[in-house]
Amino acid sequence: MSVEDKVGQMLQLDAREDLDDQVLRIGVGSILHTSPERVIRAHELTEQTRLRIPLLIGEDCIHGHSFWEGATIFPTQLGMAASWDPDLLERVARATAVEVAATGVHWTFSPVLCIARDLRWGRVDETFGEDPLLIGELAAAMVKGYQGEGLTDPEAILATAKHFAGYSETQGGRDASEADISRRKLRSWFLPPFERVARAGCRTFMLGYQTMDGVPITVNGWVLDEVLRGEWGYTGMLVTDWDNV
């Protein structure tokens, strides 16, 4: 593989744009925002490439396969959290995985592990609320439902723990800005749910938009290298949020 091939494989691009260019010229490794027609077309294009590496297809299936017509839609995470029922959420994630896998999608950007402590933040309804223990338990249940028995399970999909870490604590509830969080606060509140799902086998983590101490989370060596990879021994894949590199 050339350097250009490797760079292309590291990219995930919007399938609603020029899919032919993305696959044939750029050699993209992953796409999102698909449809039945785009999934079929993407596979046809992949067969025309030199390397013929299968595409990894992702989607925001955060409370059901919600971007696809006719799919089952479940309550948002905040609503599901009111059940306090990990077994129920595992069943929700399993039902979602079955539908998602049937459409040729391999990867969901769910569950959300952000802690909702400032109601001015516009994504509170996507969270499980404010309690780190509850968030960790419910998220681990959803990861189990999504990923099933692993790669050998034809109805399994990759789960994504997001948004790592402290994304919901931005100043004034503003999205994608500075998160004024000490390491003590991170370890007490924001990291435990992620550690729970990392040890439960969640295969991907999504990085948030925030900065901490002026350092974007995408290049924060302490969080990514020392804590996630070092202390927790995490070996899964990291992906940035939308357009975040």
Protein backbone atom coordinates (compact mmCIF):
# COMPACT_ATOMS: atom_id res chain seq x y z
CA MET A 1 0.00 0.00 0.00
CA SER A 2 1.19 3.49 -0.79
CA VAL A 3 1.06 6.37 1.68
CA GLU A 4 -1.93 7.70 -0.25
CA ASP A 5 -3.69 4.33 0.10
CA LYS A 6 -3.13 4.32 3.85
CA VAL A 7 -4.38 7.88 4.26
CA GLY A 8 -7.51 7.04 2.27
CA GLN A 9 -8.19 4.03 4.46
CA MET A 10 -8.03 6.26 7.55
CA LEU A 11 -10.84 8.49 6.26
CA GLN A 12 -14.58 8.22 6.78
CA LEU A 13 -16.56 10.36 4.33
CA ASP A 14 -20.19 11.33 3.74
CA ALA A 15 -21.77 8.94 1.23
CA ARG A 16 -24.34 11.58 0.27
CA GLU A 17 -21.59 13.39 -1.64
CA ASP A 18 -19.57 12.10 -4.63
CA LEU A 19 -19.34 8.42 -3.75
CA ASP A 20 -17.58 7.46 -6.98
CA ASP A 21 -14.80 9.96 -6.28
CA GLN A 22 -14.52 8.90 -2.64
CA VAL A 23 -14.04 5.23 -3.47
CA LEU A 24 -12.22 5.29 -6.82
CA ARG A 25 -9.92 8.33 -6.45
CA ILE A 26 -9.49 8.82 -2.69
CA GLY A 27 -9.66 5.14 -1.74
CA VAL A 28 -11.77 5.90 1.33
CA GLY A 29 -11.85 3.26 4.05
CA SER A 30 -15.22 4.07 5.58
CA ILE A 31 -18.46 5.88 4.75
CA LEU A 32 -21.50 7.07 6.69
CA HIS A 33 -24.95 8.51 5.92
CA THR A 34 -25.81 5.73 3.51
CA SER A 35 -29.01 4.37 2.00
CA PRO A 36 -29.84 1.01 0.39
CA GLU A 37 -28.83 2.39 -3.00
CA ARG A 38 -25.58 3.90 -1.71
CA VAL A 39 -24.56 0.70 0.09
CA ILE A 40 -24.99 -1.32 -3.10
CA ARG A 41 -23.17 1.29 -5.18
CA ALA A 42 -20.30 1.49 -2.68
CA HIS A 43 -19.71 -2.25 -2.90
CA GLU A 44 -19.81 -2.14 -6.70
CA LEU A 45 -17.21 0.63 -6.70
CA THR A 46 -14.98 -1.17 -4.22
CA GLU A 47 -14.73 -4.11 -6.63
CA GLN A 48 -13.24 -1.72 -9.19
CA THR A 49 -10.38 -0.57 -6.94
CA ARG A 50 -6.86 -1.98 -7.03
CA LEU A 51 -6.86 -3.21 -3.43
CA ARG A 52 -10.56 -4.15 -3.20
CA ILE A 53 -10.58 -3.56 0.57
CA PRO A 54 -14.18 -3.80 1.85
CA LEU A 55 -15.65 -0.56 3.16
CA LEU A 56 -16.49 -0.12 6.83
CA ILE A 57 -19.96 1.46 6.88
CA GLY A 58 -21.08 3.49 9.91
CA GLU A 59 -24.28 5.22 10.94
CA ASP A 60 -25.73 7.23 13.85
CA CYS A 61 -28.08 4.51 15.12
CA ILE A 62 -28.38 6.07 18.57
CA HIS A 63 -31.93 5.00 19.44
CA GLY A 64 -32.77 2.57 16.69
CA HIS A 65 -31.83 2.60 13.01
CA SER A 66 -33.30 6.08 12.94
CA PHE A 67 -31.91 7.38 9.63
CA TRP A 68 -33.45 4.55 7.62
CA GLU A 69 -37.11 4.50 6.62
CA GLY A 70 -39.18 1.72 8.17
CA ALA A 71 -36.79 0.92 11.02
CA THR A 72 -37.78 0.52 14.66
CA ILE A 73 -37.34 3.72 16.68
CA PHE A 74 -36.79 3.62 20.43
CA PRO A 75 -36.86 6.44 23.02
CA THR A 76 -33.81 8.65 23.33
CA GLN A 77 -31.17 7.62 25.85
CA LEU A 78 -32.50 10.02 28.48
CA GLY A 79 -35.88 8.34 28.24
CA MET A 80 -34.37 4.85 28.34
CA ALA A 81 -32.30 5.79 31.39
CA ALA A 82 -35.52 6.32 33.34
CA SER A 83 -36.10 2.57 33.16
CA TRP A 84 -32.99 1.79 35.26
CA ASP A 85 -33.06 -1.55 33.44
CA PRO A 86 -29.78 -2.74 31.85
CA ASP A 87 -31.39 -5.94 30.57
CA LEU A 88 -34.03 -3.95 28.69
CA LEU A 89 -31.40 -1.70 27.12
CA GLU A 90 -29.38 -4.72 26.04
CA ARG A 91 -32.50 -5.99 24.25
CA VAL A 92 -33.01 -2.57 22.62
CA ALA A 93 -29.43 -2.60 21.35
CA ARG A 94 -29.76 -6.19 20.13
CA ALA A 95 -32.92 -5.35 18.17
CA THR A 96 -31.17 -2.33 16.69
CA ALA A 97 -28.12 -4.39 15.74
CA VAL A 98 -30.26 -6.95 13.92
CA GLU A 99 -31.88 -4.24 11.78
CA VAL A 100 -28.63 -2.34 11.21
CA ALA A 101 -26.66 -5.44 10.20
CA ALA A 102 -29.44 -6.45 7.79
CA THR A 103 -28.93 -3.20 5.86
CA GLY A 104 -25.20 -3.72 5.37
CA VAL A 105 -24.11 -1.24 8.06
CA HIS A 106 -21.32 -2.48 10.35
CA TRP A 107 -20.88 0.23 12.95
CA THR A 108 -23.08 2.43 15.14
CA PHE A 109 -21.95 5.64 16.84
CA SER A 110 -23.66 4.69 20.10
CA PRO A 111 -23.94 4.72 23.11
CA VAL A 112 -23.43 8.26 24.45
CA LEU A 113 -21.58 8.32 27.79
CA CYS A 114 -21.54 12.09 28.33
CA ILE A 115 -22.59 13.25 31.80
CA ALA A 116 -25.41 15.82 31.75
CA ARG A 117 -24.69 18.35 34.50
CA ASP A 118 -25.48 21.59 32.66
CA LEU A 119 -28.95 21.74 31.13
CA ARG A 120 -27.85 24.58 28.85
CA TRP A 121 -25.88 22.04 26.83
CA GLY A 122 -27.94 21.17 23.77
CA ARG A 123 -27.35 17.42 23.72
CA VAL A 124 -28.68 16.45 27.15
CA ASP A 125 -31.44 14.27 25.67
CA GLU A 126 -28.79 12.09 24.00
CA THR A 127 -27.28 11.14 27.38
CA PHE A 128 -28.21 8.73 30.18
CA GLY A 129 -28.28 11.63 32.65
CA GLU A 130 -25.92 12.71 35.41
CA ASP A 131 -24.97 9.59 37.38
CA PRO A 132 -21.65 7.97 36.34
CA LEU A 133 -22.55 4.55 37.74
CA LEU A 134 -25.90 4.38 35.95
CA ILE A 135 -24.34 5.65 32.73
CA GLY A 136 -21.63 3.00 32.84
CA GLU A 137 -24.03 0.13 33.54
CA LEU A 138 -26.57 1.10 30.89
CA ALA A 139 -23.87 1.81 28.30
CA ALA A 140 -22.17 -1.54 28.96
CA ALA A 141 -25.52 -3.27 28.46
CA MET A 142 -26.00 -1.54 25.11
CA VAL A 143 -22.47 -2.42 24.03
CA LYS A 144 -23.21 -6.07 24.78
CA GLY A 145 -26.43 -5.88 22.79
CA TYR A 146 -24.80 -4.24 19.79
CA GLN A 147 -21.69 -6.41 19.63
CA GLY A 148 -23.35 -9.72 20.44
CA GLU A 149 -20.92 -12.62 20.24
CA GLY A 150 -18.33 -10.61 18.35
CA LEU A 151 -17.08 -10.74 14.77
CA THR A 152 -18.47 -14.23 14.20
CA ASP A 153 -22.02 -13.03 14.95
CA PRO A 154 -23.71 -12.05 11.64
CA GLU A 155 -26.15 -9.82 13.52
CA ALA A 156 -23.48 -7.95 15.51
CA ILE A 157 -22.31 -4.40 14.86
CA LEU A 158 -19.48 -2.34 16.31
CA ALA A 159 -20.44 -0.12 19.25
CA THR A 160 -18.90 3.31 19.88
CA ALA A 161 -18.51 4.93 23.30
CA LYS A 162 -18.78 8.68 22.86
CA HIS A 163 -17.80 11.44 23.38
CA PHE A 164 -14.50 10.77 25.13
CA ALA A 165 -14.16 12.52 27.55
CA GLY A 166 -15.67 15.56 29.29
CA TYR A 167 -17.38 16.85 26.16
CA SER A 168 -20.59 17.77 28.01
CA GLU A 169 -18.77 20.00 30.52
CA THR A 170 -17.97 22.87 28.16
CA GLN A 171 -18.19 26.38 29.59
CA GLY A 172 -21.66 27.92 29.58
CA GLY A 173 -23.17 24.87 27.90
CA ARG A 174 -21.64 25.90 24.58
CA ASP A 175 -20.97 23.06 22.20
CA ALA A 176 -17.47 22.29 20.97
CA SER A 177 -15.54 24.66 23.23
CA GLU A 178 -13.25 24.63 26.29
CA ALA A 179 -14.06 22.14 29.05
CA ASP A 180 -12.71 23.47 32.35
CA ILE A 181 -12.16 20.12 34.09
CA SER A 182 -9.43 19.09 36.51
CA ARG A 183 -7.90 15.64 36.32
CA ARG A 184 -9.47 14.86 39.70
CA LYS A 185 -12.92 15.74 38.37
CA LEU A 186 -12.29 13.70 35.23
CA ARG A 187 -11.33 10.66 37.27
CA SER A 188 -14.25 11.11 39.68
CA TRP A 189 -17.05 11.78 37.19
CA PHE A 190 -16.27 11.62 33.51
CA LEU A 191 -13.83 8.75 33.03
CA PRO A 192 -15.47 5.92 35.08
CA PRO A 193 -18.30 5.22 32.57
CA PHE A 194 -15.77 4.98 29.75
CA GLU A 195 -13.53 2.69 31.77
CA ARG A 196 -16.57 0.49 32.41
CA VAL A 197 -17.32 0.01 28.71
CA ALA A 198 -13.64 -0.27 27.76
CA ARG A 199 -13.31 -3.22 30.10
CA ALA A 200 -16.64 -4.57 28.80
CA GLY A 201 -15.15 -4.84 25.32
CA CYS A 202 -16.45 -1.78 23.45
CA ARG A 203 -14.39 -1.80 20.28
CA THR A 204 -14.44 1.90 19.33
CA PHE A 205 -14.26 5.23 21.15
CA MET A 206 -15.27 8.54 19.59
CA LEU A 207 -13.39 11.67 20.65
CA GLY A 208 -15.32 14.86 21.41
CA TYR A 209 -14.89 18.41 20.10
CA GLN A 210 -13.74 19.96 23.37
CA THR A 211 -10.36 21.21 24.51
CA MET A 212 -8.97 20.82 28.04
CA ASP A 213 -6.22 23.12 29.28
CA GLY A 214 -6.11 24.44 25.73
CA VAL A 215 -5.33 21.02 24.25
CA PRO A 216 -7.85 19.43 21.85
CA ILE A 217 -8.96 16.03 23.08
CA THR A 218 -7.87 14.54 19.76
CA VAL A 219 -4.20 15.15 20.68
CA ASN A 220 -4.41 14.94 24.47
CA GLY A 221 -1.60 12.58 25.36
CA TRP A 222 -2.55 12.20 29.02
CA VAL A 223 -6.13 11.10 28.30
CA LEU A 224 -5.44 9.01 25.20
CA ASP A 225 -2.02 7.50 25.86
CA GLU A 226 -1.55 7.42 29.61
CA VAL A 227 -5.12 6.69 30.74
CA LEU A 228 -6.95 4.99 27.86
CA ARG A 229 -4.13 2.97 26.31
CA GLY A 230 -1.84 2.73 29.33
CA GLU A 231 -3.93 2.35 32.50
CA TRP A 232 -6.94 0.66 30.91
CA GLY A 233 -5.03 -1.32 28.29
CA TYR A 234 -7.51 -0.34 25.59
CA THR A 235 -6.69 -1.77 22.16
CA GLY A 236 -9.77 -0.68 20.19
CA MET A 237 -10.12 1.92 17.48
CA LEU A 238 -10.42 5.68 18.02
CA VAL A 239 -12.48 7.88 15.71
CA THR A 240 -12.95 11.63 15.83
CA ASP A 241 -16.35 13.27 15.80
CA TRP A 242 -17.69 14.82 12.60
CA ASP A 243 -15.09 16.87 10.71
CA ASN A 244 -12.86 17.08 13.80
CA VAL A 245 -9.36 16.69 12.36
